[in-house]
Amino acid sequence: MVVMNGPAGAGDEPVTGQGSAVLDARDLYRFYRAGTEEVLALRGVSLTVGAGEVVAITGPSGSGKSTLLACLAGLDEPDGGQVWIDGELLSHRPEGERTLMRRRLVGVLRQSGNLIEHLSVRNNVRLVQSLRRRGSRPSSTADELIASVQLDGRGNALPTELSGGELARAALAVALAADPLVLLADEPTGELDVTTERRVLELLHAAARRGAAVVVASHSPAVSRSADRVVRLTDGRQDADLLGARP
């Protein structure tokens, strides 16, 4: 488990090497303007996650969970603070550079829009694998990944032909297709029954056992119970950093 010692200075580079954090976010701020009003979505949130660790991000709707994950993935830019992945600065770089880093290092499981609708499950996975760094090879074939999420025989199915549980597992296969060092999941079990939720959580923990740093934003008590650590957000602020209540 990573012990959080507080954020380093804004200009400091992370210490790399054995035991260092794979994901290191420091003092993140994000605000949006709606007309004349300014909404503070993140207010100084810091987070470090090590290889093999699963961290749950909890809090009420509007607390900043999805905004935090978007900043960690480089899909959104923080207005203050920095995000480092495997010793590389992700934030405050051109969008094209962030995209290339995300392809190499990050798997993202969003609430929707994870799969391209006109491509089969297999071809969605293959597309992500094809975008990996040139010269690198995925650790699993597309069919092996599909089998790992228990979708054997559904590789040729289009996203619109999948049930809700199948769609969640297919999206997870796509998120894992590039062998990411960091796996970020936003409400991955929100619409699932208990059995499918348990299976998705097992797959997230399997990714952690293979060395990924896993961050899951969720309202689900099951997600919090299974996590190594729970970070609670309230109004964009870091409210607590607790051990998970794993059975």
Protein backbone atom coordinates (compact mmCIF):
# COMPACT_ATOMS: atom_id res chain seq x y z
CA MET A 1 0.00 0.00 0.00
CA VAL A 2 1.23 3.50 -0.80
CA VAL A 3 1.48 5.84 2.16
CA MET A 4 0.53 9.40 1.29
CA ASN A 5 3.03 11.89 2.70
CA GLY A 6 1.39 14.94 1.20
CA PRO A 7 2.02 16.60 -2.17
CA ALA A 8 5.48 17.59 -3.22
CA GLY A 9 6.25 21.08 -4.39
CA ALA A 10 4.76 22.09 -7.73
CA GLY A 11 8.11 22.07 -9.49
CA ASP A 12 9.47 18.86 -7.97
CA GLU A 13 9.82 15.75 -10.07
CA PRO A 14 8.60 12.47 -8.59
CA VAL A 15 11.13 10.03 -7.22
CA THR A 16 11.14 6.96 -9.43
CA GLY A 17 12.32 3.47 -8.67
CA GLN A 18 11.22 0.59 -6.51
CA GLY A 19 8.32 1.47 -4.22
CA SER A 20 7.51 4.75 -5.94
CA ALA A 21 4.02 5.66 -7.08
CA VAL A 22 2.94 4.79 -10.61
CA LEU A 23 0.30 7.52 -10.48
CA ASP A 24 1.11 10.77 -8.66
CA ALA A 25 -1.39 13.64 -8.67
CA ARG A 26 -0.51 16.76 -6.70
CA ASP A 27 -2.73 19.54 -5.45
CA LEU A 28 -5.20 19.44 -8.36
CA TYR A 29 -7.58 22.33 -8.94
CA ARG A 30 -10.24 22.51 -11.65
CA PHE A 31 -12.88 25.16 -12.14
CA TYR A 32 -15.58 25.79 -14.74
CA ARG A 33 -17.46 28.93 -15.66
CA ALA A 34 -21.24 28.86 -16.11
CA GLY A 35 -22.24 32.34 -17.16
CA THR A 36 -21.03 34.68 -14.44
CA GLU A 37 -20.62 31.85 -11.91
CA GLU A 38 -17.47 29.88 -11.24
CA VAL A 39 -17.79 26.25 -10.18
CA LEU A 40 -14.84 24.73 -8.29
CA ALA A 41 -14.86 21.05 -9.24
CA LEU A 42 -11.54 20.15 -7.60
CA ARG A 43 -9.93 22.00 -4.70
CA GLY A 44 -6.41 20.83 -4.01
CA VAL A 45 -6.82 17.04 -4.39
CA SER A 46 -3.66 14.93 -4.14
CA LEU A 47 -3.41 11.20 -4.78
CA THR A 48 -0.65 8.63 -5.16
CA VAL A 49 -1.30 5.06 -6.28
CA GLY A 50 1.27 2.30 -6.50
CA ALA A 51 1.50 -0.70 -8.79
CA GLY A 52 -0.93 -3.39 -7.68
CA GLU A 53 -3.05 -1.03 -5.58
CA VAL A 54 -6.82 -0.47 -5.96
CA VAL A 55 -8.12 2.89 -4.76
CA ALA A 56 -11.82 3.75 -4.60
CA ILE A 57 -12.92 7.37 -5.06
CA THR A 58 -16.25 7.98 -3.33
CA GLY A 59 -18.51 10.92 -2.60
CA PRO A 60 -21.93 12.29 -3.53
CA SER A 61 -22.88 13.27 -7.08
CA GLY A 62 -21.16 16.51 -8.00
CA SER A 63 -18.29 15.97 -5.57
CA GLY A 64 -15.65 15.90 -8.33
CA LYS A 65 -15.10 12.17 -8.87
CA SER A 66 -15.48 12.17 -12.66
CA THR A 67 -13.51 15.42 -12.98
CA LEU A 68 -10.66 13.90 -10.98
CA LEU A 69 -10.55 10.81 -13.19
CA ALA A 70 -10.60 12.97 -16.34
CA CYS A 71 -7.60 14.93 -15.06
CA LEU A 72 -5.76 11.74 -14.08
CA ALA A 73 -6.32 10.38 -17.61
CA GLY A 74 -5.24 13.56 -19.36
CA LEU A 75 -8.71 13.91 -20.88
CA ASP A 76 -9.07 17.20 -19.02
CA GLU A 77 -6.44 19.69 -17.87
CA PRO A 78 -6.28 20.80 -14.25
CA ASP A 79 -6.16 24.57 -13.70
CA GLY A 80 -3.60 23.96 -10.98
CA GLY A 81 -1.43 21.05 -9.88
CA GLN A 82 0.23 18.25 -11.79
CA VAL A 83 -0.31 14.62 -12.78
CA TRP A 84 2.64 12.27 -13.22
CA ILE A 85 2.47 8.72 -14.57
CA ASP A 86 5.47 6.42 -14.24
CA GLY A 87 7.69 9.47 -13.73
CA GLU A 88 6.39 11.31 -16.81
CA LEU A 89 4.50 14.58 -16.54
CA LEU A 90 1.05 14.16 -18.12
CA SER A 91 -0.62 17.47 -17.33
CA HIS A 92 0.08 20.87 -18.94
CA ARG A 93 1.27 19.35 -22.18
CA PRO A 94 -0.22 19.72 -25.67
CA GLU A 95 -3.31 17.58 -26.20
CA GLY A 96 -1.55 15.45 -28.82
CA GLU A 97 1.23 14.56 -26.39
CA ARG A 98 -1.29 13.71 -23.67
CA THR A 99 -3.12 11.46 -26.13
CA LEU A 100 0.06 9.56 -26.98
CA MET A 101 0.89 9.11 -23.29
CA ARG A 102 -2.62 7.87 -22.58
CA ARG A 103 -2.34 5.29 -25.36
CA ARG A 104 0.90 3.97 -23.86
CA LEU A 105 0.16 4.13 -20.17
CA VAL A 106 -3.53 4.52 -19.31
CA GLY A 107 -6.68 2.44 -19.69
CA VAL A 108 -9.94 4.35 -19.24
CA LEU A 109 -13.30 2.76 -18.47
CA ARG A 110 -15.97 5.46 -18.73
CA GLN A 111 -19.66 5.36 -17.86
CA SER A 112 -20.51 5.24 -21.59
CA GLY A 113 -18.93 5.59 -25.01
CA ASN A 114 -16.16 3.06 -24.46
CA LEU A 115 -16.79 1.13 -27.68
CA ILE A 116 -17.13 2.28 -31.27
CA GLU A 117 -20.63 1.18 -32.25
CA HIS A 118 -19.93 0.08 -35.82
CA LEU A 119 -17.04 -2.18 -34.77
CA SER A 120 -17.36 -5.64 -33.25
CA VAL A 121 -16.08 -6.31 -29.75
CA ARG A 122 -13.01 -8.01 -31.22
CA ASN A 123 -12.24 -5.13 -33.55
CA ASN A 124 -12.69 -2.59 -30.75
CA VAL A 125 -10.03 -4.44 -28.77
CA ARG A 126 -7.76 -4.77 -31.80
CA LEU A 127 -8.06 -1.06 -32.55
CA VAL A 128 -6.76 -0.13 -29.11
CA GLN A 129 -3.96 -2.69 -29.41
CA SER A 130 -2.96 -1.21 -32.77
CA LEU A 131 -2.49 2.22 -31.17
CA ARG A 132 0.14 0.98 -28.74
CA ARG A 133 3.67 2.30 -28.91
CA ARG A 134 5.38 1.20 -32.11
CA GLY A 135 7.40 -1.96 -31.63
CA SER A 136 5.57 -3.11 -28.51
CA ARG A 137 3.32 -6.13 -28.53
CA PRO A 138 0.27 -6.74 -26.34
CA SER A 139 0.57 -9.45 -23.70
CA SER A 140 -2.74 -11.02 -24.80
CA THR A 141 -4.51 -11.45 -28.12
CA ALA A 142 -7.90 -9.85 -28.65
CA ASP A 143 -9.62 -13.22 -28.25
CA GLU A 144 -7.71 -13.95 -25.03
CA LEU A 145 -8.81 -10.61 -23.59
CA ILE A 146 -12.40 -11.24 -24.60
CA ALA A 147 -12.26 -14.67 -22.97
CA SER A 148 -10.78 -13.16 -19.80
CA VAL A 149 -13.91 -11.05 -19.32
CA GLN A 150 -16.11 -14.11 -20.01
CA LEU A 151 -17.38 -13.01 -23.41
CA ASP A 152 -16.33 -16.13 -25.31
CA GLY A 153 -18.32 -16.38 -28.50
CA ARG A 154 -19.29 -12.67 -28.45
CA GLY A 155 -16.24 -11.30 -30.25
CA ASN A 156 -18.20 -10.70 -33.45
CA ALA A 157 -21.08 -8.93 -31.68
CA LEU A 158 -21.63 -5.22 -32.10
CA PRO A 159 -22.01 -3.08 -28.95
CA THR A 160 -25.73 -2.66 -29.65
CA GLU A 161 -26.13 -6.45 -29.51
CA LEU A 162 -24.74 -6.76 -25.98
CA SER A 163 -26.61 -6.77 -22.69
CA GLY A 164 -25.69 -4.24 -20.01
CA GLY A 165 -23.42 -6.69 -18.21
CA GLU A 166 -21.77 -7.81 -21.45
CA LEU A 167 -21.21 -4.20 -22.48
CA ALA A 168 -19.48 -3.42 -19.17
CA ARG A 169 -17.17 -6.41 -19.55
CA ALA A 170 -16.45 -5.61 -23.20
CA ALA A 171 -15.56 -2.04 -22.19
CA LEU A 172 -13.18 -3.43 -19.59
CA ALA A 173 -11.50 -5.61 -22.22
CA VAL A 174 -10.99 -2.49 -24.35
CA ALA A 175 -9.57 -0.57 -21.37
CA LEU A 176 -7.10 -3.42 -20.72
CA ALA A 177 -6.14 -3.88 -24.37
CA ALA A 178 -3.00 -1.74 -24.18
CA ASP A 179 -1.67 -3.36 -20.96
CA PRO A 180 -1.97 -0.03 -19.11
CA LEU A 181 0.16 0.90 -16.11
CA VAL A 182 -2.82 2.88 -14.81
CA LEU A 183 -6.45 1.75 -15.08
CA LEU A 184 -9.14 4.37 -14.37
CA ALA A 185 -12.79 3.32 -14.07
CA ASP A 186 -15.73 5.72 -13.67
CA GLU A 187 -18.79 4.00 -12.13
CA PRO A 188 -17.97 0.68 -13.84
CA THR A 189 -20.69 -1.23 -11.95
CA GLY A 190 -23.40 1.41 -11.71
CA GLU A 191 -25.99 -0.37 -13.87
CA LEU A 192 -25.02 -3.96 -13.10
CA ASP A 193 -26.63 -6.69 -11.04
CA VAL A 194 -24.78 -8.03 -7.99
CA THR A 195 -23.32 -11.04 -9.80
CA THR A 196 -21.97 -9.02 -12.73
CA GLU A 197 -20.68 -6.32 -10.39
CA ARG A 198 -18.71 -8.94 -8.50
CA ARG A 199 -17.23 -10.27 -11.73
CA VAL A 200 -16.17 -6.80 -12.92
CA LEU A 201 -14.53 -6.12 -9.55
CA GLU A 202 -12.67 -9.41 -9.79
CA LEU A 203 -11.35 -8.34 -13.20
CA LEU A 204 -10.23 -4.95 -11.87
CA HIS A 205 -8.35 -6.66 -9.04
CA ALA A 206 -6.85 -9.12 -11.51
CA ALA A 207 -5.45 -6.12 -13.43
CA ALA A 208 -3.97 -4.83 -10.16
CA ARG A 209 -2.36 -8.21 -9.47
CA ARG A 210 -0.68 -7.93 -12.88
CA GLY A 211 0.85 -4.64 -11.73
CA ALA A 212 -1.61 -1.92 -12.76
CA ALA A 213 -2.45 1.00 -10.49
CA VAL A 214 -6.27 0.96 -10.40
CA VAL A 215 -8.52 3.90 -9.48
CA VAL A 216 -12.30 3.39 -9.39
CA ALA A 217 -14.81 6.21 -8.90
CA SER A 218 -18.07 4.77 -7.60
CA HIS A 219 -21.05 5.12 -5.29
CA SER A 220 -21.11 1.35 -4.78
CA PRO A 221 -20.38 0.03 -1.26
CA ALA A 222 -19.04 -3.15 -2.87
CA VAL A 223 -16.36 -1.15 -4.68
CA SER A 224 -15.29 0.55 -1.43
CA ARG A 225 -15.25 -2.75 0.47
CA SER A 226 -12.99 -4.35 -2.11
CA ALA A 227 -10.51 -1.46 -2.36
CA ASP A 228 -7.14 -1.21 -0.65
CA ARG A 229 -7.85 2.43 0.13
CA VAL A 230 -10.86 4.74 -0.06
CA VAL A 231 -10.59 8.46 -0.84
CA ARG A 232 -13.76 10.45 -0.23
CA LEU A 233 -14.46 13.75 -1.98
CA THR A 234 -16.91 16.41 -0.79
CA ASP A 235 -17.45 19.54 -2.89
CA GLY A 236 -14.19 18.91 -4.72
CA ARG A 237 -12.16 18.57 -1.53
CA GLN A 238 -10.39 15.48 -0.24
CA ASP A 239 -12.43 14.55 2.81
CA ALA A 240 -10.83 11.28 3.89
CA ASP A 241 -8.24 8.68 2.96
CA LEU A 242 -9.19 5.39 4.60
CA LEU A 243 -8.38 1.73 4.43
CA GLY A 244 -10.91 -0.29 2.46
CA ALA A 245 -13.26 -2.57 4.35
CA ARG A 246 -12.40 -5.66 2.37
CA PRO A 247 -14.14 -8.76 3.75
